Amino acid sequence: MEYILIIISAIFVNNVVLMKFLGVCPFFGVSKQVGTAVGMSGAVVFVMTVATIVTFILQKYVLDVFEIQYMQTITFILVIASLVQLVEIILKKVSPSLFQALGIFLPLITTNCAVLGVALLAVKPVYDYDLLQATVYAVASAIGFGLAMVIFAGLREHMELQDIPKGMKGVPIAFVVAGLLALAFMGFSGIA
């Protein structure tokens, strides 16, 4: 039951993009087409999950043991940057079209505050997660990030077909829709 609560909370109630406002740059930048949003979501799921596992182990068995917690941020960023490089190499070989579609946003996963934020939240003493709980939290947070991005991309594709006033086209209507999407996700706040 505890894991189900973590999953529902991370995906719907405390969605990293819509409730914590982490990872907003790729949320707006890569969400113009559903296919690109799905590809970016997959990359974020992989990076966020593996980064949380590695950083959790480093935090508990290196930084805490040697009392060098002040190295946490730089250590976490180095781990995330290494994983993003790995994803970049794999995508370039496996799916060059997706690699091109993601463009500049793929290397920006390195500085995606959602990835770093989830890794930092997973090791917080407040949550007191063990490795399995932290991994479940990371996967669920990444799925929540992807869900929000894919829904938003679908809405943006649909908006292209609508007659929107000239002053609201592009970014202004995207912000309005993102706000409405965040309000819709607030409806889940009574669940967990």
Protein backbone atom coordinates (compact mmCIF):
# COMPACT_ATOMS: atom_id res chain seq x y z
CA MET A 1 0.00 0.00 0.00
CA GLU A 2 2.90 2.34 0.77
CA TYR A 3 4.26 2.01 -2.76
CA ILE A 4 0.86 2.67 -4.32
CA LEU A 5 0.62 5.84 -2.26
CA ILE A 6 4.08 6.95 -3.44
CA ILE A 7 3.14 6.24 -7.07
CA ILE A 8 -0.21 8.06 -7.00
CA SER A 9 1.26 10.96 -5.09
CA ALA A 10 4.23 11.40 -7.44
CA ILE A 11 2.25 11.05 -10.67
CA PHE A 12 -0.91 12.99 -9.87
CA VAL A 13 -0.89 14.83 -6.54
CA ASN A 14 2.69 16.16 -6.42
CA ASN A 15 3.46 16.19 -10.16
CA VAL A 16 6.94 17.65 -10.57
CA VAL A 17 5.96 19.91 -13.46
CA LEU A 18 2.45 21.00 -12.55
CA MET A 19 2.69 21.18 -8.75
CA LYS A 20 6.39 21.71 -7.99
CA PHE A 21 7.15 23.64 -11.21
CA LEU A 22 10.34 21.68 -11.87
CA GLY A 23 11.34 21.00 -15.48
CA VAL A 24 9.20 23.72 -17.01
CA CYS A 25 11.72 24.51 -19.79
CA PRO A 26 11.43 21.15 -21.57
CA PHE A 27 7.73 21.08 -20.69
CA PHE A 28 7.14 24.13 -22.88
CA GLY A 29 9.98 23.55 -25.35
CA VAL A 30 9.42 19.94 -26.39
CA SER A 31 5.65 19.81 -26.12
CA LYS A 32 4.69 21.02 -29.60
CA GLN A 33 4.31 17.48 -30.96
CA VAL A 34 3.19 14.36 -29.13
CA GLY A 35 5.90 12.18 -30.70
CA THR A 36 8.68 14.45 -29.51
CA ALA A 37 7.09 14.71 -26.06
CA VAL A 38 6.94 10.91 -25.79
CA GLY A 39 10.62 10.61 -26.79
CA MET A 40 11.67 13.25 -24.28
CA SER A 41 9.55 11.57 -21.61
CA GLY A 42 11.29 8.26 -22.24
CA ALA A 43 14.71 9.90 -21.93
CA VAL A 44 13.66 11.64 -18.71
CA VAL A 45 12.28 8.38 -17.24
CA PHE A 46 15.60 6.65 -17.88
CA VAL A 47 17.80 9.50 -16.65
CA MET A 48 15.66 10.33 -13.62
CA THR A 49 15.40 6.71 -12.48
CA VAL A 50 19.06 5.78 -12.92
CA ALA A 51 20.23 9.15 -11.54
CA THR A 52 18.12 8.71 -8.41
CA ILE A 53 19.43 5.19 -7.83
CA VAL A 54 23.07 6.21 -8.30
CA THR A 55 22.79 9.44 -6.30
CA PHE A 56 20.91 7.68 -3.49
CA ILE A 57 23.71 5.12 -3.18
CA LEU A 58 26.38 7.83 -3.35
CA GLN A 59 24.57 9.90 -0.73
CA LYS A 60 24.03 7.06 1.76
CA TYR A 61 27.31 5.17 1.32
CA VAL A 62 29.82 7.88 0.40
CA LEU A 63 28.70 11.43 1.21
CA ASP A 64 27.04 10.58 4.54
CA VAL A 65 29.70 8.08 5.63
CA PHE A 66 32.59 10.48 5.01
CA GLU A 67 30.53 13.47 6.18
CA ILE A 68 30.98 15.38 2.93
CA GLN A 69 27.34 16.24 2.33
CA TYR A 70 28.42 19.65 1.05
CA MET A 71 29.51 17.84 -2.14
CA GLN A 72 25.94 16.64 -2.77
CA THR A 73 24.94 19.13 -5.47
CA ILE A 74 28.09 18.82 -7.57
CA THR A 75 28.09 15.03 -7.22
CA PHE A 76 24.46 14.77 -8.30
CA ILE A 77 25.02 17.08 -11.28
CA LEU A 78 28.03 15.05 -12.44
CA VAL A 79 26.02 11.83 -12.26
CA ILE A 80 23.13 13.37 -14.19
CA ALA A 81 25.45 14.85 -16.84
CA SER A 82 27.12 11.47 -17.36
CA LEU A 83 23.77 9.73 -17.78
CA VAL A 84 22.56 12.33 -20.27
CA GLN A 85 25.72 11.80 -22.34
CA LEU A 86 24.96 8.08 -22.32
CA VAL A 87 21.36 8.70 -23.48
CA GLU A 88 22.63 11.03 -26.20
CA ILE A 89 25.03 8.41 -27.55
CA ILE A 90 22.36 5.70 -27.49
CA LEU A 91 19.71 7.88 -29.18
CA LYS A 92 22.15 9.00 -31.88
CA LYS A 93 22.77 5.34 -32.78
CA VAL A 94 19.28 3.90 -32.26
CA SER A 95 16.96 6.73 -33.37
CA PRO A 96 18.67 9.59 -35.26
CA SER A 97 15.28 11.15 -36.11
CA LEU A 98 14.28 11.37 -32.42
CA PHE A 99 17.76 12.66 -31.62
CA GLN A 100 17.26 15.46 -34.18
CA ALA A 101 13.70 16.16 -33.00
CA LEU A 102 14.80 16.59 -29.39
CA GLY A 103 17.55 18.93 -30.54
CA ILE A 104 18.93 21.20 -27.85
CA PHE A 105 16.52 19.87 -25.22
CA LEU A 106 18.29 16.52 -24.89
CA PRO A 107 21.52 18.02 -23.47
CA LEU A 108 19.33 20.30 -21.38
CA ILE A 109 18.18 17.26 -19.39
CA THR A 110 21.54 17.74 -17.67
CA THR A 111 20.28 21.00 -16.22
CA ASN A 112 16.65 19.91 -15.99
CA CYS A 113 15.76 20.85 -12.47
CA ALA A 114 13.14 18.09 -12.36
CA VAL A 115 15.84 15.40 -12.59
CA LEU A 116 18.02 17.07 -9.96
CA GLY A 117 14.99 17.94 -7.82
CA VAL A 118 13.72 14.36 -7.70
CA ALA A 119 17.21 13.05 -6.89
CA LEU A 120 17.51 15.57 -4.06
CA LEU A 121 14.00 14.90 -2.73
CA ALA A 122 14.59 11.15 -2.74
CA VAL A 123 17.45 11.47 -0.24
CA LYS A 124 15.74 13.99 2.03
CA PRO A 125 15.48 12.81 5.63
CA VAL A 126 11.89 14.09 5.70
CA TYR A 127 10.76 11.30 3.36
CA ASP A 128 13.09 8.71 4.90
CA TYR A 129 13.00 6.56 1.76
CA ASP A 130 15.01 3.40 1.38
CA LEU A 131 16.53 2.59 -2.03
CA LEU A 132 13.43 0.79 -3.34
CA GLN A 133 11.07 3.56 -2.22
CA ALA A 134 13.37 6.20 -3.75
CA THR A 135 13.43 4.26 -7.02
CA VAL A 136 9.64 3.94 -7.06
CA TYR A 137 9.38 7.67 -6.32
CA ALA A 138 11.77 8.50 -9.17
CA VAL A 139 9.99 6.28 -11.71
CA ALA A 140 6.58 7.62 -10.68
CA SER A 141 7.82 11.24 -10.79
CA ALA A 142 9.26 10.65 -14.25
CA ILE A 143 6.00 9.07 -15.41
CA GLY A 144 4.13 12.07 -13.99
CA PHE A 145 6.50 14.39 -15.85
CA GLY A 146 5.93 12.44 -19.06
CA LEU A 147 2.17 12.28 -18.57
CA ALA A 148 1.93 16.04 -18.10
CA MET A 149 4.15 16.66 -21.12
CA VAL A 150 2.27 14.28 -23.43
CA ILE A 151 -1.15 15.65 -22.38
CA PHE A 152 0.14 19.19 -22.88
CA ALA A 153 1.60 18.28 -26.30
CA GLY A 154 -1.75 16.81 -27.36
CA LEU A 155 -3.52 19.96 -26.26
CA ARG A 156 -1.00 22.13 -28.13
CA GLU A 157 -1.45 20.06 -31.30
CA HIS A 158 -5.20 20.49 -30.95
CA MET A 159 -4.80 24.26 -30.41
CA GLU A 160 -3.03 24.54 -33.78
CA LEU A 161 -6.35 23.63 -35.41
CA GLN A 162 -8.34 26.20 -33.46
CA ASP A 163 -9.08 29.82 -34.31
CA ILE A 164 -7.17 31.55 -31.52
CA PRO A 165 -6.99 35.36 -31.37
CA LYS A 166 -3.72 36.74 -32.77
CA GLY A 167 -2.57 38.17 -29.43
CA MET A 168 -3.00 34.82 -27.68
CA LYS A 169 -1.29 32.54 -30.24
CA GLY A 170 1.87 30.72 -29.25
CA VAL A 171 3.29 31.19 -25.77
CA PRO A 172 0.38 33.12 -24.18
CA ILE A 173 -2.20 30.42 -24.88
CA ALA A 174 0.35 27.75 -23.92
CA PHE A 175 0.68 29.35 -20.47
CA VAL A 176 -3.09 29.54 -20.07
CA VAL A 177 -3.49 25.88 -21.02
CA ALA A 178 -0.62 24.85 -18.72
CA GLY A 179 -2.34 26.69 -15.87
CA LEU A 180 -5.62 24.93 -16.60
CA LEU A 181 -3.81 21.59 -16.73
CA ALA A 182 -2.24 22.33 -13.34
CA LEU A 183 -5.69 23.16 -11.96
CA ALA A 184 -7.00 19.87 -13.32
CA PHE A 185 -4.21 17.97 -11.57
CA MET A 186 -5.03 19.84 -8.33
CA GLY A 187 -8.28 17.87 -8.36
CA PHE A 188 -6.24 14.80 -7.39
CA SER A 189 -4.98 16.45 -4.18
CA GLY A 190 -7.58 14.76 -2.01
CA ILE A 191 -6.54 11.27 -3.11
CA ALA A 192 -3.19 10.89 -1.34
